[in-house]
N, C-alpha and C. Protein backbone atom coordinates (compact mmCIF):
# COMPACT_ATOMS: atom_id res chain seq x y z
N MET A 1 27.30 -7.87 -37.48
CA MET A 1 25.95 -7.51 -37.09
C MET A 1 25.20 -8.78 -36.69
N ASN A 2 24.50 -8.70 -35.56
CA ASN A 2 23.78 -9.85 -35.03
C ASN A 2 22.37 -9.88 -35.64
N THR A 3 22.01 -10.99 -36.24
CA THR A 3 20.70 -11.08 -36.91
C THR A 3 19.65 -11.78 -36.07
N THR A 4 20.01 -12.23 -34.88
CA THR A 4 19.01 -12.89 -34.04
C THR A 4 18.08 -11.84 -33.43
N THR A 5 16.81 -12.19 -33.38
CA THR A 5 15.83 -11.25 -32.81
C THR A 5 15.79 -11.44 -31.30
N ARG A 6 15.59 -10.37 -30.62
CA ARG A 6 15.53 -10.39 -29.16
C ARG A 6 14.07 -10.20 -28.73
N SER A 7 13.68 -10.96 -27.72
CA SER A 7 12.33 -10.81 -27.17
C SER A 7 12.35 -9.71 -26.11
N SER A 8 11.34 -8.89 -26.15
CA SER A 8 11.25 -7.84 -25.15
C SER A 8 10.72 -8.43 -23.84
N THR A 9 10.84 -7.66 -22.79
CA THR A 9 10.35 -8.11 -21.49
C THR A 9 8.85 -8.32 -21.51
N ALA A 10 8.15 -7.45 -22.20
CA ALA A 10 6.69 -7.58 -22.29
C ALA A 10 6.31 -8.85 -23.03
N GLU A 11 7.06 -9.18 -24.08
CA GLU A 11 6.77 -10.39 -24.83
C GLU A 11 7.04 -11.64 -23.99
N ARG A 12 8.14 -11.63 -23.24
CA ARG A 12 8.44 -12.77 -22.37
C ARG A 12 7.39 -12.92 -21.28
N LEU A 13 6.95 -11.79 -20.71
CA LEU A 13 5.90 -11.84 -19.70
C LEU A 13 4.60 -12.38 -20.28
N GLY A 14 4.25 -11.95 -21.49
CA GLY A 14 3.04 -12.43 -22.13
C GLY A 14 3.11 -13.92 -22.42
N ARG A 15 4.25 -14.39 -22.86
CA ARG A 15 4.38 -15.83 -23.11
C ARG A 15 4.29 -16.62 -21.81
N TRP A 16 4.89 -16.08 -20.74
CA TRP A 16 4.83 -16.76 -19.45
C TRP A 16 3.39 -16.84 -18.95
N LEU A 17 2.64 -15.72 -19.06
CA LEU A 17 1.24 -15.72 -18.65
C LEU A 17 0.40 -16.66 -19.52
N GLY A 18 0.70 -16.69 -20.82
CA GLY A 18 -0.03 -17.60 -21.73
C GLY A 18 0.21 -19.06 -21.38
N ARG A 19 1.46 -19.41 -21.06
CA ARG A 19 1.75 -20.79 -20.66
C ARG A 19 1.04 -21.14 -19.36
N GLY A 20 1.00 -20.19 -18.43
CA GLY A 20 0.29 -20.42 -17.17
C GLY A 20 -1.20 -20.62 -17.39
N TRP A 21 -1.79 -19.80 -18.27
CA TRP A 21 -3.23 -19.93 -18.55
C TRP A 21 -3.54 -21.25 -19.23
N ARG A 22 -2.70 -21.65 -20.20
CA ARG A 22 -2.93 -22.93 -20.87
C ARG A 22 -2.79 -24.10 -19.89
N GLY A 23 -1.85 -24.00 -18.97
CA GLY A 23 -1.69 -25.04 -17.95
C GLY A 23 -2.91 -25.11 -17.04
N TYR A 24 -3.45 -23.95 -16.66
CA TYR A 24 -4.65 -23.93 -15.83
C TYR A 24 -5.83 -24.58 -16.55
N VAL A 25 -6.03 -24.24 -17.82
CA VAL A 25 -7.14 -24.81 -18.59
C VAL A 25 -6.96 -26.32 -18.74
N ARG A 26 -5.71 -26.76 -18.97
CA ARG A 26 -5.45 -28.19 -19.10
C ARG A 26 -5.78 -28.92 -17.79
N ARG A 27 -5.39 -28.35 -16.65
CA ARG A 27 -5.71 -28.99 -15.36
C ARG A 27 -7.21 -28.97 -15.09
N GLU A 28 -7.87 -27.90 -15.49
CA GLU A 28 -9.33 -27.84 -15.29
C GLU A 28 -10.03 -28.93 -16.10
N ARG A 29 -9.61 -29.11 -17.34
CA ARG A 29 -10.19 -30.18 -18.16
C ARG A 29 -9.88 -31.55 -17.57
N ARG A 30 -8.67 -31.69 -17.01
CA ARG A 30 -8.29 -32.97 -16.41
C ARG A 30 -9.16 -33.27 -15.19
N VAL A 31 -9.45 -32.25 -14.37
CA VAL A 31 -10.32 -32.44 -13.20
C VAL A 31 -11.73 -32.79 -13.65
N ALA A 32 -12.24 -32.10 -14.68
CA ALA A 32 -13.59 -32.41 -15.17
C ALA A 32 -13.64 -33.83 -15.73
N ALA A 33 -12.59 -34.26 -16.44
CA ALA A 33 -12.56 -35.63 -16.97
C ALA A 33 -12.46 -36.64 -15.83
N TRP A 34 -11.72 -36.30 -14.76
CA TRP A 34 -11.62 -37.21 -13.62
C TRP A 34 -12.98 -37.36 -12.94
N LEU A 35 -13.72 -36.23 -12.82
CA LEU A 35 -15.05 -36.31 -12.21
C LEU A 35 -15.99 -37.16 -13.06
N VAL A 36 -15.90 -37.03 -14.37
CA VAL A 36 -16.75 -37.84 -15.26
C VAL A 36 -16.36 -39.31 -15.15
N SER A 37 -15.06 -39.60 -15.08
CA SER A 37 -14.63 -40.99 -14.97
C SER A 37 -14.96 -41.58 -13.60
N ALA A 38 -15.16 -40.70 -12.59
CA ALA A 38 -15.53 -41.18 -11.27
C ALA A 38 -17.02 -41.45 -11.17
N GLY A 39 -17.77 -41.15 -12.22
CA GLY A 39 -19.18 -41.48 -12.24
C GLY A 39 -20.12 -40.29 -12.22
N ALA A 40 -19.58 -39.08 -12.18
CA ALA A 40 -20.44 -37.89 -12.19
C ALA A 40 -20.86 -37.60 -13.63
N PRO A 41 -22.09 -37.17 -13.84
CA PRO A 41 -22.51 -36.79 -15.19
C PRO A 41 -21.69 -35.57 -15.67
N ASN A 42 -21.65 -35.41 -16.96
CA ASN A 42 -20.86 -34.34 -17.57
C ASN A 42 -21.33 -32.97 -17.10
N GLY A 43 -22.63 -32.76 -17.01
CA GLY A 43 -23.17 -31.47 -16.56
C GLY A 43 -22.82 -31.18 -15.11
N VAL A 44 -22.83 -32.21 -14.28
CA VAL A 44 -22.50 -32.02 -12.86
C VAL A 44 -21.02 -31.67 -12.72
N ALA A 45 -20.16 -32.34 -13.50
CA ALA A 45 -18.73 -32.05 -13.45
C ALA A 45 -18.46 -30.60 -13.86
N THR A 46 -19.12 -30.15 -14.90
CA THR A 46 -18.96 -28.77 -15.35
C THR A 46 -19.48 -27.79 -14.29
N ALA A 47 -20.63 -28.14 -13.68
CA ALA A 47 -21.19 -27.27 -12.64
C ALA A 47 -20.25 -27.20 -11.43
N LEU A 48 -19.65 -28.33 -11.04
CA LEU A 48 -18.73 -28.31 -9.91
C LEU A 48 -17.50 -27.45 -10.19
N VAL A 49 -17.00 -27.53 -11.42
CA VAL A 49 -15.85 -26.70 -11.78
C VAL A 49 -16.23 -25.23 -11.69
N TRP A 50 -17.42 -24.88 -12.18
CA TRP A 50 -17.86 -23.49 -12.11
C TRP A 50 -18.13 -23.04 -10.67
N ILE A 51 -18.64 -23.94 -9.84
CA ILE A 51 -18.87 -23.59 -8.43
C ILE A 51 -17.55 -23.28 -7.75
N VAL A 52 -16.52 -24.08 -8.03
CA VAL A 52 -15.21 -23.81 -7.44
C VAL A 52 -14.66 -22.47 -7.94
N LYS A 53 -14.82 -22.20 -9.24
CA LYS A 53 -14.36 -20.91 -9.78
C LYS A 53 -15.06 -19.74 -9.10
N LEU A 54 -16.37 -19.84 -8.94
CA LEU A 54 -17.13 -18.76 -8.32
C LEU A 54 -16.78 -18.62 -6.84
N ALA A 55 -16.51 -19.72 -6.16
CA ALA A 55 -16.11 -19.66 -4.75
C ALA A 55 -14.76 -18.96 -4.61
N VAL A 56 -13.82 -19.28 -5.48
CA VAL A 56 -12.51 -18.61 -5.45
C VAL A 56 -12.68 -17.12 -5.76
N LEU A 57 -13.52 -16.80 -6.74
CA LEU A 57 -13.78 -15.40 -7.05
C LEU A 57 -14.41 -14.67 -5.87
N GLY A 58 -15.34 -15.33 -5.18
CA GLY A 58 -15.96 -14.73 -4.00
C GLY A 58 -14.95 -14.47 -2.89
N VAL A 59 -14.04 -15.41 -2.66
CA VAL A 59 -13.01 -15.21 -1.64
C VAL A 59 -12.10 -14.05 -2.02
N LEU A 60 -11.73 -13.98 -3.29
CA LEU A 60 -10.88 -12.87 -3.74
C LEU A 60 -11.58 -11.52 -3.59
N LEU A 61 -12.86 -11.47 -3.92
CA LEU A 61 -13.60 -10.21 -3.75
C LEU A 61 -13.76 -9.85 -2.28
N TYR A 62 -13.94 -10.84 -1.42
CA TYR A 62 -14.05 -10.61 0.01
C TYR A 62 -12.76 -10.01 0.55
N VAL A 63 -11.63 -10.59 0.17
CA VAL A 63 -10.33 -10.09 0.62
C VAL A 63 -10.09 -8.69 0.06
N ALA A 64 -10.43 -8.48 -1.21
CA ALA A 64 -10.24 -7.16 -1.81
C ALA A 64 -11.11 -6.11 -1.11
N PHE A 65 -12.32 -6.49 -0.72
CA PHE A 65 -13.20 -5.56 -0.01
C PHE A 65 -12.57 -5.11 1.30
N TRP A 66 -12.07 -6.06 2.08
CA TRP A 66 -11.50 -5.70 3.38
C TRP A 66 -10.19 -4.94 3.23
N LEU A 67 -9.40 -5.27 2.23
CA LEU A 67 -8.18 -4.50 1.99
C LEU A 67 -8.50 -3.07 1.56
N THR A 68 -9.53 -2.91 0.75
CA THR A 68 -9.97 -1.57 0.35
C THR A 68 -10.49 -0.79 1.54
N LEU A 69 -11.25 -1.45 2.40
CA LEU A 69 -11.76 -0.80 3.60
C LEU A 69 -10.62 -0.38 4.51
N LEU A 70 -9.60 -1.21 4.63
CA LEU A 70 -8.43 -0.88 5.43
C LEU A 70 -7.68 0.31 4.84
N LEU A 71 -7.56 0.34 3.52
CA LEU A 71 -6.90 1.46 2.85
C LEU A 71 -7.68 2.76 3.04
N VAL A 72 -8.99 2.69 2.95
CA VAL A 72 -9.83 3.89 3.17
C VAL A 72 -9.68 4.37 4.61
N PHE A 73 -9.68 3.44 5.56
CA PHE A 73 -9.51 3.81 6.97
C PHE A 73 -8.15 4.47 7.20
N ALA A 74 -7.10 3.92 6.61
CA ALA A 74 -5.76 4.50 6.77
C ALA A 74 -5.70 5.89 6.13
N THR A 75 -6.36 6.07 5.00
CA THR A 75 -6.38 7.38 4.33
C THR A 75 -7.12 8.40 5.17
N VAL A 76 -8.25 8.01 5.73
CA VAL A 76 -9.03 8.93 6.57
C VAL A 76 -8.25 9.26 7.84
N ALA A 77 -7.57 8.28 8.42
CA ALA A 77 -6.79 8.53 9.63
C ALA A 77 -5.63 9.48 9.33
N ALA A 78 -4.98 9.31 8.19
CA ALA A 78 -3.89 10.20 7.81
C ALA A 78 -4.41 11.61 7.55
N TRP A 79 -5.56 11.70 6.91
CA TRP A 79 -6.15 13.01 6.65
C TRP A 79 -6.54 13.69 7.95
N ALA A 80 -7.10 12.94 8.89
CA ALA A 80 -7.52 13.52 10.16
C ALA A 80 -6.32 13.95 10.98
N SER A 81 -5.25 13.18 10.95
CA SER A 81 -4.08 13.57 11.73
C SER A 81 -3.39 14.78 11.10
N ALA A 82 -3.46 14.90 9.79
CA ALA A 82 -2.88 16.08 9.13
C ALA A 82 -3.71 17.33 9.41
N ALA A 83 -5.00 17.17 9.64
CA ALA A 83 -5.86 18.32 9.91
C ALA A 83 -5.66 18.84 11.32
N ASN A 84 -5.12 18.02 12.22
CA ASN A 84 -4.95 18.43 13.61
C ASN A 84 -3.57 19.00 13.91
N THR A 85 -2.76 19.21 12.90
CA THR A 85 -1.43 19.77 13.14
C THR A 85 -1.55 21.25 13.44
N PRO A 86 -0.70 21.77 14.32
CA PRO A 86 -0.79 23.20 14.64
C PRO A 86 -0.32 24.04 13.45
N ASP A 87 -0.76 25.28 13.44
CA ASP A 87 -0.36 26.19 12.37
C ASP A 87 1.13 26.47 12.47
N GLU A 88 1.79 26.55 11.34
CA GLU A 88 3.21 26.81 11.34
C GLU A 88 3.52 28.30 11.47
N ASP A 89 2.51 29.14 11.34
CA ASP A 89 2.73 30.57 11.46
C ASP A 89 2.88 31.00 12.91
N VAL A 90 2.38 30.19 13.83
CA VAL A 90 2.42 30.53 15.24
C VAL A 90 3.77 30.12 15.81
N TRP A 91 4.44 31.04 16.52
CA TRP A 91 5.73 30.75 17.14
C TRP A 91 5.47 29.95 18.42
N PRO A 92 5.93 28.71 18.52
CA PRO A 92 5.56 27.86 19.65
C PRO A 92 6.34 28.16 20.93
N PHE A 93 7.38 28.99 20.85
CA PHE A 93 8.22 29.24 22.02
C PHE A 93 7.81 30.55 22.69
N THR A 94 8.36 30.78 23.84
CA THR A 94 8.03 32.00 24.57
C THR A 94 8.68 33.20 23.90
N ASP A 95 8.11 34.34 24.16
CA ASP A 95 8.61 35.60 23.61
C ASP A 95 9.89 35.98 24.35
N ILE A 96 10.75 36.75 23.72
CA ILE A 96 12.03 37.13 24.32
C ILE A 96 11.82 37.99 25.56
N ASP A 97 10.74 38.79 25.59
CA ASP A 97 10.47 39.60 26.78
C ASP A 97 10.08 38.72 27.96
N GLU A 98 9.30 37.67 27.70
CA GLU A 98 8.95 36.73 28.77
C GLU A 98 10.18 35.95 29.22
N LEU A 99 11.04 35.62 28.28
CA LEU A 99 12.24 34.86 28.59
C LEU A 99 13.20 35.67 29.47
N ARG A 100 13.27 36.96 29.25
CA ARG A 100 14.16 37.82 30.05
C ARG A 100 13.71 37.89 31.50
N ASN A 101 12.42 37.71 31.76
CA ASN A 101 11.90 37.80 33.12
C ASN A 101 12.03 36.50 33.90
N THR A 102 12.45 35.42 33.27
CA THR A 102 12.60 34.15 33.98
C THR A 102 13.87 34.17 34.81
N PRO A 103 13.87 33.49 35.98
CA PRO A 103 15.08 33.48 36.80
C PRO A 103 16.20 32.68 36.11
N GLY A 104 17.40 33.17 36.24
CA GLY A 104 18.55 32.50 35.66
C GLY A 104 18.76 32.80 34.19
N TYR A 105 18.13 33.85 33.68
CA TYR A 105 18.28 34.20 32.26
C TYR A 105 19.68 34.72 31.99
N ASP A 106 20.32 34.15 30.96
CA ASP A 106 21.66 34.59 30.57
C ASP A 106 21.57 35.03 29.11
N PRO A 107 21.79 36.30 28.80
CA PRO A 107 21.65 36.77 27.42
C PRO A 107 22.70 36.18 26.49
N ASN A 108 23.83 35.72 27.02
CA ASN A 108 24.86 35.13 26.17
C ASN A 108 24.42 33.77 25.61
N LEU A 109 23.62 33.04 26.35
CA LEU A 109 23.15 31.74 25.86
C LEU A 109 22.16 31.88 24.71
N TYR A 110 21.43 32.97 24.69
CA TYR A 110 20.40 33.18 23.67
C TYR A 110 20.83 34.17 22.59
N ASN A 111 22.09 34.61 22.60
CA ASN A 111 22.59 35.62 21.67
C ASN A 111 21.70 36.85 21.65
N ASP A 112 21.30 37.26 22.82
CA ASP A 112 20.42 38.43 22.97
C ASP A 112 21.30 39.68 23.06
N ASN A 113 21.72 40.19 21.91
CA ASN A 113 22.65 41.33 21.89
C ASN A 113 21.98 42.65 22.25
N THR A 114 20.68 42.69 22.41
CA THR A 114 20.01 43.92 22.81
C THR A 114 19.96 44.05 24.32
N HIS A 115 20.29 43.00 25.06
CA HIS A 115 20.28 43.04 26.51
C HIS A 115 21.52 43.76 27.01
N VAL A 116 21.40 44.45 28.16
CA VAL A 116 22.51 45.25 28.67
C VAL A 116 23.64 44.37 29.22
N ASP A 117 23.35 43.14 29.63
CA ASP A 117 24.39 42.27 30.19
C ASP A 117 25.05 41.38 29.14
N TYR A 118 24.73 41.57 27.88
CA TYR A 118 25.31 40.73 26.81
C TYR A 118 26.78 41.08 26.63
N LYS A 119 27.64 40.04 26.62
CA LYS A 119 29.07 40.23 26.44
C LYS A 119 29.49 39.55 25.15
N ASP A 120 30.01 40.29 24.21
CA ASP A 120 30.47 39.73 22.94
C ASP A 120 31.91 39.29 23.10
N ASP A 121 32.20 38.02 22.82
CA ASP A 121 33.56 37.50 22.99
C ASP A 121 34.43 37.81 21.81
């Protein structure tokens, strides 16, 4: 019997996301410390980091807005094209009586066994 514990996929994903988040926070602190060491006051460095965060959030919301608008447009177009389909109850072809009156009509081609010229092979 194996006594080693196995990590589930959800646990591995959570650890991966946690490592990514910690790395992001570490880099953010490093950028703020670099700004302070470059001569910017501590409050200005923090404000610049927040301005960058809000700008990235604004870009993401802008992209999400246009993608949502595109999805709504595609949904409306699909709904409109589905509304314009012809009824399936209507027979789209000509009636057999109209077909019999056309020149060159052959009852054998249409399996019209009620026609007098129909020949069963």
